[in-house]
PDB file of N, CA and C in Angstrom:
ATOM      1  N   MET A   1      84.312 -12.151 -83.562  1.00  0.00           N
ATOM      2  CA  MET A   1      83.243 -12.821 -82.864  1.00  0.00           C
ATOM      3  C   MET A   1      83.610 -13.047 -81.404  1.00  0.00           C
ATOM      4  N   CYS A   2      84.811 -13.471 -81.113  1.00  0.00           N
ATOM      5  CA  CYS A   2      85.234 -13.717 -79.734  1.00  0.00           C
ATOM      6  C   CYS A   2      85.213 -12.426 -78.924  1.00  0.00           C
ATOM      7  N   LYS A   3      85.617 -11.314 -79.539  1.00  0.00           N
ATOM      8  CA  LYS A   3      85.608 -10.020 -78.851  1.00  0.00           C
ATOM      9  C   LYS A   3      84.186  -9.647 -78.463  1.00  0.00           C
ATOM     10  N   ALA A   4      83.240  -9.879 -79.330  1.00  0.00           N
ATOM     11  CA  ALA A   4      81.840  -9.561 -79.048  1.00  0.00           C
ATOM     12  C   ALA A   4      81.325 -10.389 -77.875  1.00  0.00           C
ATOM     13  N   ILE A   5      81.678 -11.650 -77.849  1.00  0.00           N
ATOM     14  CA  ILE A   5      81.244 -12.531 -76.755  1.00  0.00           C
ATOM     15  C   ILE A   5      81.883 -12.081 -75.445  1.00  0.00           C
ATOM     16  N   GLU A   6      83.158 -11.739 -75.493  1.00  0.00           N
ATOM     17  CA  GLU A   6      83.839 -11.250 -74.288  1.00  0.00           C
ATOM     18  C   GLU A   6      83.196  -9.962 -73.781  1.00  0.00           C
ATOM     19  N   ASP A   7      82.820  -9.070 -74.703  1.00  0.00           N
ATOM     20  CA  ASP A   7      82.156  -7.826 -74.308  1.00  0.00           C
ATOM     21  C   ASP A   7      80.816  -8.110 -73.642  1.00  0.00           C
ATOM     22  N   ILE A   8      80.067  -9.045 -74.168  1.00  0.00           N
ATOM     23  CA  ILE A   8      78.771  -9.416 -73.579  1.00  0.00           C
ATOM     24  C   ILE A   8      78.975  -9.995 -72.189  1.00  0.00           C
ATOM     25  N   LYS A   9      79.966 -10.866 -72.042  1.00  0.00           N
ATOM     26  CA  LYS A   9      80.260 -11.455 -70.730  1.00  0.00           C
ATOM     27  C   LYS A   9      80.686 -10.390 -69.729  1.00  0.00           C
ATOM     28  N   ASP A  10      81.509  -9.446 -70.169  1.00  0.00           N
ATOM     29  CA  ASP A  10      81.956  -8.365 -69.284  1.00  0.00           C
ATOM     30  C   ASP A  10      80.778  -7.488 -68.855  1.00  0.00           C
ATOM     31  N   ASP A  11      79.903  -7.182 -69.801  1.00  0.00           N
ATOM     32  CA  ASP A  11      78.724  -6.381 -69.480  1.00  0.00           C
ATOM     33  C   ASP A  11      77.832  -7.102 -68.464  1.00  0.00           C
ATOM     34  N   ALA A  12      77.633  -8.392 -68.655  1.00  0.00           N
ATOM     35  CA  ALA A  12      76.803  -9.176 -67.736  1.00  0.00           C
ATOM     36  C   ALA A  12      77.441  -9.233 -66.344  1.00  0.00           C
ATOM     37  N   ARG A  13      78.733  -9.381 -66.307  1.00  0.00           N
ATOM     38  CA  ARG A  13      79.455  -9.422 -65.033  1.00  0.00           C
ATOM     39  C   ARG A  13      79.316  -8.082 -64.306  1.00  0.00           C
ATOM     40  N   MET A  14      79.487  -6.999 -65.011  1.00  0.00           N
ATOM     41  CA  MET A  14      79.369  -5.673 -64.415  1.00  0.00           C
ATOM     42  C   MET A  14      77.950  -5.428 -63.917  1.00  0.00           C
ATOM     43  N   GLU A  15      76.970  -5.851 -64.678  1.00  0.00           N
ATOM     44  CA  GLU A  15      75.570  -5.693 -64.262  1.00  0.00           C
ATOM     45  C   GLU A  15      75.297  -6.496 -62.994  1.00  0.00           C
ATOM     46  N   GLY A  16      75.831  -7.685 -62.906  1.00  0.00           N
ATOM     47  CA  GLY A  16      75.668  -8.510 -61.711  1.00  0.00           C
ATOM     48  C   GLY A  16      76.278  -7.853 -60.485  1.00  0.00           C
ATOM     49  N   ARG A  17      77.434  -7.280 -60.659  1.00  0.00           N
ATOM     50  CA  ARG A  17      78.082  -6.577 -59.548  1.00  0.00           C
ATOM     51  C   ARG A  17      77.268  -5.369 -59.112  1.00  0.00           C
ATOM     52  N   ARG A  18      76.760  -4.643 -60.077  1.00  0.00           N
ATOM     53  CA  ARG A  18      75.947  -3.458 -59.793  1.00  0.00           C
ATOM     54  C   ARG A  18      74.684  -3.862 -59.013  1.00  0.00           C
ATOM     55  N   GLU A  19      74.044  -4.930 -59.447  1.00  0.00           N
ATOM     56  CA  GLU A  19      72.847  -5.408 -58.748  1.00  0.00           C
ATOM     57  C   GLU A  19      73.191  -5.865 -57.332  1.00  0.00           C
ATOM     58  N   GLY A  20      74.313  -6.521 -57.171  1.00  0.00           N
ATOM     59  CA  GLY A  20      74.745  -6.962 -55.852  1.00  0.00           C
ATOM     60  C   GLY A  20      74.981  -5.795 -54.915  1.00  0.00           C
ATOM     61  N   ARG A  21      75.613  -4.750 -55.421  1.00  0.00           N
ATOM     62  CA  ARG A  21      75.850  -3.555 -54.602  1.00  0.00           C
ATOM     63  C   ARG A  21      74.532  -2.899 -54.222  1.00  0.00           C
ATOM     64  N   ASP A  22      73.611  -2.824 -55.181  1.00  0.00           N
ATOM     65  CA  ASP A  22      72.313  -2.206 -54.907  1.00  0.00           C
ATOM     66  C   ASP A  22      71.553  -2.987 -53.840  1.00  0.00           C
ATOM     67  N   GLU A  23      71.581  -4.311 -53.932  1.00  0.00           N
ATOM     68  CA  GLU A  23      70.900  -5.140 -52.940  1.00  0.00           C
ATOM     69  C   GLU A  23      71.545  -4.986 -51.571  1.00  0.00           C
ATOM     70  N   GLY A  24      72.853  -4.943 -51.530  1.00  0.00           N
ATOM     71  CA  GLY A  24      73.558  -4.760 -50.270  1.00  0.00           C
ATOM     72  C   GLY A  24      73.236  -3.424 -49.628  1.00  0.00           C
ATOM     73  N   ARG A  25      73.188  -2.394 -50.442  1.00  0.00           N
ATOM     74  CA  ARG A  25      72.859  -1.052 -49.954  1.00  0.00           C
ATOM     75  C   ARG A  25      71.439  -1.030 -49.400  1.00  0.00           C
ATOM     76  N   MET A  26      70.535  -1.704 -50.085  1.00  0.00           N
ATOM     77  CA  MET A  26      69.143  -1.742 -49.638  1.00  0.00           C
ATOM     78  C   MET A  26      69.037  -2.480 -48.293  1.00  0.00           C
ATOM     79  N   GLU A  27      69.736  -3.584 -48.168  1.00  0.00           N
ATOM     80  CA  GLU A  27      69.714  -4.344 -46.916  1.00  0.00           C
ATOM     81  C   GLU A  27      70.274  -3.521 -45.765  1.00  0.00           C
ATOM     82  N   GLU A  28      71.339  -2.767 -46.024  1.00  0.00           N
ATOM     83  CA  GLU A  28      71.912  -1.913 -44.986  1.00  0.00           C
ATOM     84  C   GLU A  28      70.916  -0.844 -44.546  1.00  0.00           C
ATOM     85  N   ARG A  29      70.245  -0.248 -45.497  1.00  0.00           N
ATOM     86  CA  ARG A  29      69.263   0.793 -45.155  1.00  0.00           C
ATOM     87  C   ARG A  29      68.086   0.204 -44.401  1.00  0.00           C
ATOM     88  N   LEU A  30      67.615  -0.958 -44.827  1.00  0.00           N
ATOM     89  CA  LEU A  30      66.518  -1.604 -44.107  1.00  0.00           C
ATOM     90  C   LEU A  30      66.913  -1.921 -42.672  1.00  0.00           C
ATOM     91  N   THR A  31      68.136  -2.381 -42.486  1.00  0.00           N
ATOM     92  CA  THR A  31      68.630  -2.665 -41.138  1.00  0.00           C
ATOM     93  C   THR A  31      68.671  -1.387 -40.312  1.00  0.00           C
ATOM     94  N   SER A  32      69.134  -0.301 -40.901  1.00  0.00           N
ATOM     95  CA  SER A  32      69.191   0.974 -40.195  1.00  0.00           C
ATOM     96  C   SER A  32      67.795   1.449 -39.809  1.00  0.00           C
ATOM     97  N   ILE A  33      66.853   1.326 -40.724  1.00  0.00           N
ATOM     98  CA  ILE A  33      65.473   1.729 -40.444  1.00  0.00           C
ATOM     99  C   ILE A  33      64.910   0.903 -39.292  1.00  0.00           C
ATOM    100  N   ARG A  34      65.077  -0.402 -39.381  1.00  0.00           N
ATOM    101  CA  ARG A  34      64.555  -1.288 -38.330  1.00  0.00           C
ATOM    102  C   ARG A  34      65.220  -1.021 -36.987  1.00  0.00           C
ATOM    103  N   ASN A  35      66.521  -0.759 -36.990  1.00  0.00           N
ATOM    104  CA  ASN A  35      67.224  -0.461 -35.745  1.00  0.00           C
ATOM    105  C   ASN A  35      66.698   0.818 -35.093  1.00  0.00           C
ATOM    106  N   LEU A  36      66.479   1.842 -35.895  1.00  0.00           N
ATOM    107  CA  LEU A  36      65.935   3.087 -35.357  1.00  0.00           C
ATOM    108  C   LEU A  36      64.519   2.881 -34.818  1.00  0.00           C
ATOM    109  N   MET A  37      63.743   2.091 -35.521  1.00  0.00           N
ATOM    110  CA  MET A  37      62.382   1.821 -35.059  1.00  0.00           C
ATOM    111  C   MET A  37      62.419   1.114 -33.702  1.00  0.00           C
ATOM    112  N   LYS A  38      63.297   0.157 -33.570  1.00  0.00           N
ATOM    113  CA  LYS A  38      63.382  -0.628 -32.336  1.00  0.00           C
ATOM    114  C   LYS A  38      63.984   0.193 -31.190  1.00  0.00           C
ATOM    115  N   LYS A  39      65.137   0.813 -31.437  1.00  0.00           N
ATOM    116  CA  LYS A  39      65.856   1.531 -30.389  1.00  0.00           C
ATOM    117  C   LYS A  39      65.160   2.816 -29.950  1.00  0.00           C
ATOM    118  N   MET A  40      64.635   3.545 -30.926  1.00  0.00           N
ATOM    119  CA  MET A  40      64.064   4.854 -30.635  1.00  0.00           C
ATOM    120  C   MET A  40      62.547   4.823 -30.481  1.00  0.00           C
ATOM    121  N   GLY A  41      61.930   3.701 -30.847  1.00  0.00           N
ATOM    122  CA  GLY A  41      60.475   3.610 -30.779  1.00  0.00           C
ATOM    123  C   GLY A  41      59.786   4.437 -31.854  1.00  0.00           C
ATOM    124  N   TRP A  42      60.503   4.656 -32.956  1.00  0.00           N
ATOM    125  CA  TRP A  42      59.980   5.481 -34.038  1.00  0.00           C
ATOM    126  C   TRP A  42      59.165   4.647 -35.011  1.00  0.00           C
ATOM    127  N   SER A  43      58.299   5.324 -35.732  1.00  0.00           N
ATOM    128  CA  SER A  43      57.595   4.694 -36.848  1.00  0.00           C
ATOM    129  C   SER A  43      58.590   4.552 -38.004  1.00  0.00           C
ATOM    130  N   SER A  44      58.215   3.776 -38.985  1.00  0.00           N
ATOM    131  CA  SER A  44      59.098   3.624 -40.142  1.00  0.00           C
ATOM    132  C   SER A  44      59.301   4.965 -40.842  1.00  0.00           C
ATOM    133  N   LYS A  45      58.260   5.776 -40.892  1.00  0.00           N
ATOM    134  CA  LYS A  45      58.344   7.098 -41.525  1.00  0.00           C
ATOM    135  C   LYS A  45      59.347   7.978 -40.782  1.00  0.00           C
ATOM    136  N   GLU A  46      59.277   7.976 -39.442  1.00  0.00           N
ATOM    137  CA  GLU A  46      60.208   8.780 -38.662  1.00  0.00           C
ATOM    138  C   GLU A  46      61.646   8.315 -38.865  1.00  0.00           C
ATOM    139  N   ALA A  47      61.839   7.016 -38.903  1.00  0.00           N
ATOM    140  CA  ALA A  47      63.182   6.473 -39.103  1.00  0.00           C
ATOM    141  C   ALA A  47      63.719   6.850 -40.481  1.00  0.00           C
ATOM    142  N   MET A  48      62.891   6.733 -41.508  1.00  0.00           N
ATOM    143  CA  MET A  48      63.341   7.074 -42.855  1.00  0.00           C
ATOM    144  C   MET A  48      63.600   8.563 -42.996  1.00  0.00           C
ATOM    145  N   ASP A  49      62.783   9.389 -42.314  1.00  0.00           N
ATOM    146  CA  ASP A  49      63.030  10.833 -42.323  1.00  0.00           C
ATOM    147  C   ASP A  49      64.358  11.148 -41.646  1.00  0.00           C
ATOM    148  N   ALA A  50      64.647  10.469 -40.529  1.00  0.00           N
ATOM    149  CA  ALA A  50      65.906  10.693 -39.816  1.00  0.00           C
ATOM    150  C   ALA A  50      67.106  10.325 -40.690  1.00  0.00           C
ATOM    151  N   LEU A  51      66.928   9.304 -41.526  1.00  0.00           N
ATOM    152  CA  LEU A  51      67.994   8.897 -42.444  1.00  0.00           C
ATOM    153  C   LEU A  51      68.021   9.756 -43.711  1.00  0.00           C
ATOM    154  N   MET A  52      67.080  10.682 -43.785  1.00  0.00           N
ATOM    155  CA  MET A  52      66.960  11.618 -44.905  1.00  0.00           C
ATOM    156  C   MET A  52      66.796  10.911 -46.247  1.00  0.00           C
ATOM    157  N   LEU A  53      65.972   9.867 -46.232  1.00  0.00           N
ATOM    158  CA  LEU A  53      65.671   9.162 -47.477  1.00  0.00           C
ATOM    159  C   LEU A  53      64.628   9.952 -48.258  1.00  0.00           C
ATOM    160  N   PRO A  54      64.803  10.096 -49.557  1.00  0.00           N
ATOM    161  CA  PRO A  54      63.815  10.802 -50.369  1.00  0.00           C
ATOM    162  C   PRO A  54      62.476  10.060 -50.367  1.00  0.00           C
ATOM    163  N   ALA A  55      61.413  10.787 -50.637  1.00  0.00           N
ATOM    164  CA  ALA A  55      60.059  10.224 -50.606  1.00  0.00           C
ATOM    165  C   ALA A  55      59.935   8.994 -51.499  1.00  0.00           C
ATOM    166  N   GLU A  56      60.527   9.029 -52.666  1.00  0.00           N
ATOM    167  CA  GLU A  56      60.441   7.893 -53.593  1.00  0.00           C
ATOM    168  C   GLU A  56      61.100   6.655 -52.998  1.00  0.00           C
ATOM    169  N   ALA A  57      62.237   6.832 -52.352  1.00  0.00           N
ATOM    170  CA  ALA A  57      62.928   5.707 -51.707  1.00  0.00           C
ATOM    171  C   ALA A  57      62.108   5.196 -50.534  1.00  0.00           C
ATOM    172  N   GLN A  58      61.452   6.108 -49.812  1.00  0.00           N
ATOM    173  CA  GLN A  58      60.640   5.692 -48.674  1.00  0.00           C
ATOM    174  C   GLN A  58      59.501   4.767 -49.119  1.00  0.00           C
ATOM    175  N   LYS A  59      58.927   5.061 -50.249  1.00  0.00           N
ATOM    176  CA  LYS A  59      57.867   4.179 -50.789  1.00  0.00           C
ATOM    177  C   LYS A  59      58.432   2.783 -51.045  1.00  0.00           C
ATOM    178  N   GLN A  60      59.598   2.735 -51.614  1.00  0.00           N
ATOM    179  CA  GLN A  60      60.242   1.456 -51.930  1.00  0.00           C
ATOM    180  C   GLN A  60      60.536   0.666 -50.659  1.00  0.00           C
ATOM    181  N   TYR A  61      61.123   1.313 -49.661  1.00  0.00           N
ATOM    182  CA  TYR A  61      61.493   0.619 -48.437  1.00  0.00           C
ATOM    183  C   TYR A  61      60.285   0.219 -47.611  1.00  0.00           C
ATOM    184  N   SER A  62      59.225   1.005 -47.673  1.00  0.00           N
ATOM    185  CA  SER A  62      58.014   0.703 -46.906  1.00  0.00           C
ATOM    186  C   SER A  62      57.439  -0.656 -47.267  1.00  0.00           C
ATOM    187  N   ALA A  63      57.652  -1.083 -48.475  1.00  0.00           N
ATOM    188  CA  ALA A  63      57.138  -2.378 -48.920  1.00  0.00           C
ATOM    189  C   ALA A  63      57.841  -3.530 -48.225  1.00  0.00           C
ATOM    190  N   PHE A  64      59.019  -3.287 -47.656  1.00  0.00           N
ATOM    191  CA  PHE A  64      59.810  -4.347 -47.030  1.00  0.00           C
ATOM    192  C   PHE A  64      59.799  -4.312 -45.512  1.00  0.00           C
ATOM    193  N   ILE A  65      59.125  -3.324 -44.946  1.00  0.00           N
ATOM    194  CA  ILE A  65      59.125  -3.187 -43.477  1.00  0.00           C
ATOM    195  C   ILE A  65      57.818  -3.718 -42.919  1.00  0.00           C
TER     196      ILE A  65
END
């Protein structure tokens, strides 16, 4: 029983770390997009194209810009 609980705790911890990394990566990309828009005078689409973000990711990021 203790092993099962430890496994559940480890899985939850790993999932939390994974989510944290994903959020950090998203924030970095949003910052890069915004910086390109400001510095270069580009639209969000142009900035995301310059960063070579796939179309699906561009839809996701567009919601935050």
